[in-house]
């Protein structure tokens, strides 16, 4: 099996795959499905990060991550998201945390409906990233 065909797992997932995993989780929070507009938005968000060292296109990263996400049992998805929050929090780089939150807002709004459930999810992510007391955005706008 070539490296190109190795499935993404929690052990080998790189930061962009982990971010996509979180973003796909948000995508189903509002309406229970991942829409094409949300996939496009996720791809655009990944393109805005600097992951050029991976030698993969944002679309390829998003597609690999979506396959990983689909193959992960529901109960494990929350644990994987929590692991991502921990790794981002340990970086302690406020700009990265804000970038993640802004991506989440963009993705939540990309299907034209910004639900209260999505807003609460984003607020929980902010709390988990240690930004509970920092007002970076108005999650209810």
C-alpha atoms as a PDB file:
ATOM      1  CA  UNK A   1       0.000   0.000   0.000  1.00  0.00           C
ATOM      2  CA  UNK A   2       1.477   3.324  -0.981  1.00  0.00           C
ATOM      3  CA  UNK A   3       1.459   6.273   1.386  1.00  0.00           C
ATOM      4  CA  UNK A   4      -1.064   7.948  -0.878  1.00  0.00           C
ATOM      5  CA  UNK A   5      -3.639   5.217  -0.046  1.00  0.00           C
ATOM      6  CA  UNK A   6      -3.076   5.091   3.716  1.00  0.00           C
ATOM      7  CA  UNK A   7      -6.355   5.971   5.436  1.00  0.00           C
ATOM      8  CA  UNK A   8      -6.320   8.855   7.884  1.00  0.00           C
ATOM      9  CA  UNK A   9      -6.445   7.763  11.529  1.00  0.00           C
ATOM     10  CA  UNK A  10      -6.158   9.637  14.836  1.00  0.00           C
ATOM     11  CA  UNK A  11      -2.536   8.480  14.989  1.00  0.00           C
ATOM     12  CA  UNK A  12      -1.452   9.759  11.575  1.00  0.00           C
ATOM     13  CA  UNK A  13      -3.812  12.724  11.130  1.00  0.00           C
ATOM     14  CA  UNK A  14      -2.012  15.985  10.570  1.00  0.00           C
ATOM     15  CA  UNK A  15      -3.337  19.371  11.670  1.00  0.00           C
ATOM     16  CA  UNK A  16      -5.266  20.137   8.454  1.00  0.00           C
ATOM     17  CA  UNK A  17      -7.009  16.771   8.619  1.00  0.00           C
ATOM     18  CA  UNK A  18      -7.880  17.356  12.270  1.00  0.00           C
ATOM     19  CA  UNK A  19      -9.254  20.801  11.458  1.00  0.00           C
ATOM     20  CA  UNK A  20     -11.369  19.342   8.651  1.00  0.00           C
ATOM     21  CA  UNK A  21     -12.637  16.685  11.052  1.00  0.00           C
ATOM     22  CA  UNK A  22     -13.820  19.429  13.417  1.00  0.00           C
ATOM     23  CA  UNK A  23     -15.299  21.405  10.535  1.00  0.00           C
ATOM     24  CA  UNK A  24     -17.221  18.378   9.220  1.00  0.00           C
ATOM     25  CA  UNK A  25     -18.550  17.755  12.719  1.00  0.00           C
ATOM     26  CA  UNK A  26     -19.918  21.302  12.801  1.00  0.00           C
ATOM     27  CA  UNK A  27     -21.433  20.796   9.350  1.00  0.00           C
ATOM     28  CA  UNK A  28     -23.833  18.156  10.624  1.00  0.00           C
ATOM     29  CA  UNK A  29     -24.737  19.970  13.837  1.00  0.00           C
ATOM     30  CA  UNK A  30     -27.173  22.383  12.213  1.00  0.00           C
ATOM     31  CA  UNK A  31     -29.159  20.205   9.859  1.00  0.00           C
ATOM     32  CA  UNK A  32     -27.823  16.660  10.153  1.00  0.00           C
ATOM     33  CA  UNK A  33     -26.040  16.545   6.802  1.00  0.00           C
ATOM     34  CA  UNK A  34     -22.929  17.782   5.073  1.00  0.00           C
ATOM     35  CA  UNK A  35     -23.883  19.901   2.100  1.00  0.00           C
ATOM     36  CA  UNK A  36     -21.723  20.619  -0.949  1.00  0.00           C
ATOM     37  CA  UNK A  37     -21.565  24.321  -0.009  1.00  0.00           C
ATOM     38  CA  UNK A  38     -20.121  23.325   3.366  1.00  0.00           C
ATOM     39  CA  UNK A  39     -17.514  21.080   1.724  1.00  0.00           C
ATOM     40  CA  UNK A  40     -16.555  23.990  -0.518  1.00  0.00           C
ATOM     41  CA  UNK A  41     -16.350  26.283   2.507  1.00  0.00           C
ATOM     42  CA  UNK A  42     -14.191  23.785   4.412  1.00  0.00           C
ATOM     43  CA  UNK A  43     -11.881  23.459   1.414  1.00  0.00           C
ATOM     44  CA  UNK A  44     -11.579  27.255   1.232  1.00  0.00           C
ATOM     45  CA  UNK A  45     -10.827  27.463   4.960  1.00  0.00           C
ATOM     46  CA  UNK A  46      -8.049  24.882   4.625  1.00  0.00           C
ATOM     47  CA  UNK A  47      -6.689  26.814   1.644  1.00  0.00           C
ATOM     48  CA  UNK A  48      -6.442  29.924   3.853  1.00  0.00           C
ATOM     49  CA  UNK A  49      -4.118  28.140   6.297  1.00  0.00           C
ATOM     50  CA  UNK A  50      -0.488  27.631   5.267  1.00  0.00           C
ATOM     51  CA  UNK A  51      -0.203  23.870   4.829  1.00  0.00           C
ATOM     52  CA  UNK A  52       1.928  24.072   1.681  1.00  0.00           C
ATOM     53  CA  UNK A  53       4.491  21.678   3.174  1.00  0.00           C
ATOM     54  CA  UNK A  54       1.990  18.831   2.792  1.00  0.00           C
ATOM     55  CA  UNK A  55       2.131  18.901  -1.008  1.00  0.00           C
ATOM     56  CA  UNK A  56      -1.608  18.203  -1.111  1.00  0.00           C
ATOM     57  CA  UNK A  57      -4.373  20.388  -2.406  1.00  0.00           C
ATOM     58  CA  UNK A  58      -6.973  21.684   0.057  1.00  0.00           C
ATOM     59  CA  UNK A  59      -9.587  19.639  -1.841  1.00  0.00           C
ATOM     60  CA  UNK A  60      -7.533  16.467  -1.377  1.00  0.00           C
ATOM     61  CA  UNK A  61      -7.111  17.187   2.342  1.00  0.00           C
ATOM     62  CA  UNK A  62     -10.855  17.827   2.683  1.00  0.00           C
ATOM     63  CA  UNK A  63     -11.741  14.638   0.777  1.00  0.00           C
ATOM     64  CA  UNK A  64      -9.356  12.494   2.837  1.00  0.00           C
ATOM     65  CA  UNK A  65     -10.721  14.031   6.017  1.00  0.00           C
ATOM     66  CA  UNK A  66     -14.328  13.491   4.985  1.00  0.00           C
ATOM     67  CA  UNK A  67     -13.623   9.801   4.386  1.00  0.00           C
ATOM     68  CA  UNK A  68     -11.987   9.579   7.818  1.00  0.00           C
ATOM     69  CA  UNK A  69     -14.923  11.419   9.379  1.00  0.00           C
ATOM     70  CA  UNK A  70     -17.499   9.119   7.724  1.00  0.00           C
ATOM     71  CA  UNK A  71     -15.645   6.004   8.862  1.00  0.00           C
ATOM     72  CA  UNK A  72     -15.389   7.164  12.485  1.00  0.00           C
ATOM     73  CA  UNK A  73     -18.134   5.947  14.802  1.00  0.00           C
ATOM     74  CA  UNK A  74     -20.304   8.745  16.185  1.00  0.00           C
ATOM     75  CA  UNK A  75     -19.103   8.328  19.768  1.00  0.00           C
ATOM     76  CA  UNK A  76     -15.468   8.642  18.752  1.00  0.00           C
ATOM     77  CA  UNK A  77     -16.015  11.886  16.828  1.00  0.00           C
ATOM     78  CA  UNK A  78     -16.494  13.930  20.005  1.00  0.00           C
ATOM     79  CA  UNK A  79     -13.331  12.456  21.538  1.00  0.00           C
ATOM     80  CA  UNK A  80     -11.326  13.310  18.436  1.00  0.00           C
ATOM     81  CA  UNK A  81     -12.647  16.874  18.455  1.00  0.00           C
ATOM     82  CA  UNK A  82     -11.699  17.198  22.129  1.00  0.00           C
ATOM     83  CA  UNK A  83      -8.166  16.034  21.285  1.00  0.00           C
ATOM     84  CA  UNK A  84      -7.974  18.727  18.638  1.00  0.00           C
ATOM     85  CA  UNK A  85      -9.069  21.392  21.113  1.00  0.00           C
ATOM     86  CA  UNK A  86      -6.346  20.241  23.493  1.00  0.00           C
ATOM     87  CA  UNK A  87      -3.616  20.406  20.853  1.00  0.00           C
ATOM     88  CA  UNK A  88      -4.708  23.858  19.688  1.00  0.00           C
ATOM     89  CA  UNK A  89      -4.960  25.082  23.284  1.00  0.00           C
ATOM     90  CA  UNK A  90      -1.461  23.786  24.028  1.00  0.00           C
ATOM     91  CA  UNK A  91      -0.105  25.829  21.128  1.00  0.00           C
ATOM     92  CA  UNK A  92      -1.363  28.869  23.020  1.00  0.00           C
ATOM     93  CA  UNK A  93      -1.312  30.984  19.889  1.00  0.00           C
ATOM     94  CA  UNK A  94      -4.352  33.243  20.044  1.00  0.00           C
ATOM     95  CA  UNK A  95      -4.278  33.944  16.307  1.00  0.00           C
ATOM     96  CA  UNK A  96      -4.648  30.221  15.556  1.00  0.00           C
ATOM     97  CA  UNK A  97      -7.572  29.891  17.952  1.00  0.00           C
ATOM     98  CA  UNK A  98      -9.283  32.906  16.426  1.00  0.00           C
ATOM     99  CA  UNK A  99      -8.646  31.508  12.954  1.00  0.00           C
ATOM    100  CA  UNK A 100     -10.375  28.239  13.905  1.00  0.00           C
ATOM    101  CA  UNK A 101     -13.374  30.115  15.326  1.00  0.00           C
ATOM    102  CA  UNK A 102     -13.661  32.322  12.253  1.00  0.00           C
ATOM    103  CA  UNK A 103     -13.505  29.228  10.039  1.00  0.00           C
ATOM    104  CA  UNK A 104     -16.307  27.642  12.055  1.00  0.00           C
ATOM    105  CA  UNK A 105     -18.482  30.729  11.670  1.00  0.00           C
ATOM    106  CA  UNK A 106     -17.838  30.853   7.906  1.00  0.00           C
ATOM    107  CA  UNK A 107     -18.669  27.158   7.521  1.00  0.00           C
ATOM    108  CA  UNK A 108     -21.818  27.419   9.651  1.00  0.00           C
ATOM    109  CA  UNK A 109     -23.071  30.294   7.506  1.00  0.00           C
ATOM    110  CA  UNK A 110     -22.061  28.717   4.174  1.00  0.00           C
ATOM    111  CA  UNK A 111     -25.331  26.832   3.672  1.00  0.00           C
ATOM    112  CA  UNK A 112     -27.347  30.022   4.172  1.00  0.00           C
ATOM    113  CA  UNK A 113     -28.684  28.973   7.576  1.00  0.00           C
ATOM    114  CA  UNK A 114     -26.872  29.847  10.812  1.00  0.00           C
ATOM    115  CA  UNK A 115     -28.726  27.858  13.469  1.00  0.00           C
ATOM    116  CA  UNK A 116     -28.754  28.346  17.222  1.00  0.00           C
ATOM    117  CA  UNK A 117     -27.278  24.849  17.524  1.00  0.00           C
ATOM    118  CA  UNK A 118     -24.316  25.850  15.345  1.00  0.00           C
ATOM    119  CA  UNK A 119     -23.852  29.025  17.379  1.00  0.00           C
ATOM    120  CA  UNK A 120     -23.831  27.038  20.615  1.00  0.00           C
ATOM    121  CA  UNK A 121     -21.371  24.539  19.133  1.00  0.00           C
ATOM    122  CA  UNK A 122     -19.028  27.379  18.172  1.00  0.00           C
ATOM    123  CA  UNK A 123     -19.378  28.928  21.625  1.00  0.00           C
ATOM    124  CA  UNK A 124     -18.472  25.554  23.178  1.00  0.00           C
ATOM    125  CA  UNK A 125     -15.416  25.328  20.940  1.00  0.00           C
ATOM    126  CA  UNK A 126     -14.407  28.836  22.078  1.00  0.00           C
ATOM    127  CA  UNK A 127     -14.791  27.727  25.692  1.00  0.00           C
ATOM    128  CA  UNK A 128     -12.773  24.559  25.054  1.00  0.00           C
ATOM    129  CA  UNK A 129     -10.030  26.629  23.438  1.00  0.00           C
ATOM    130  CA  UNK A 130      -9.783  28.718  26.571  1.00  0.00           C
ATOM    131  CA  UNK A 131     -11.476  31.739  25.022  1.00  0.00           C
ATOM    132  CA  UNK A 132     -14.526  31.724  27.268  1.00  0.00           C
ATOM    133  CA  UNK A 133     -13.898  35.232  28.579  1.00  0.00           C
ATOM    134  CA  UNK A 134     -12.516  36.700  25.368  1.00  0.00           C
ATOM    135  CA  UNK A 135     -15.059  38.190  23.040  1.00  0.00           C
ATOM    136  CA  UNK A 136     -13.691  37.440  19.583  1.00  0.00           C
ATOM    137  CA  UNK A 137     -17.013  37.333  17.790  1.00  0.00           C
ATOM    138  CA  UNK A 138     -20.702  37.600  18.483  1.00  0.00           C
ATOM    139  CA  UNK A 139     -21.782  33.966  18.153  1.00  0.00           C
ATOM    140  CA  UNK A 140     -25.415  34.990  17.936  1.00  0.00           C
ATOM    141  CA  UNK A 141     -25.185  37.378  14.991  1.00  0.00           C
END
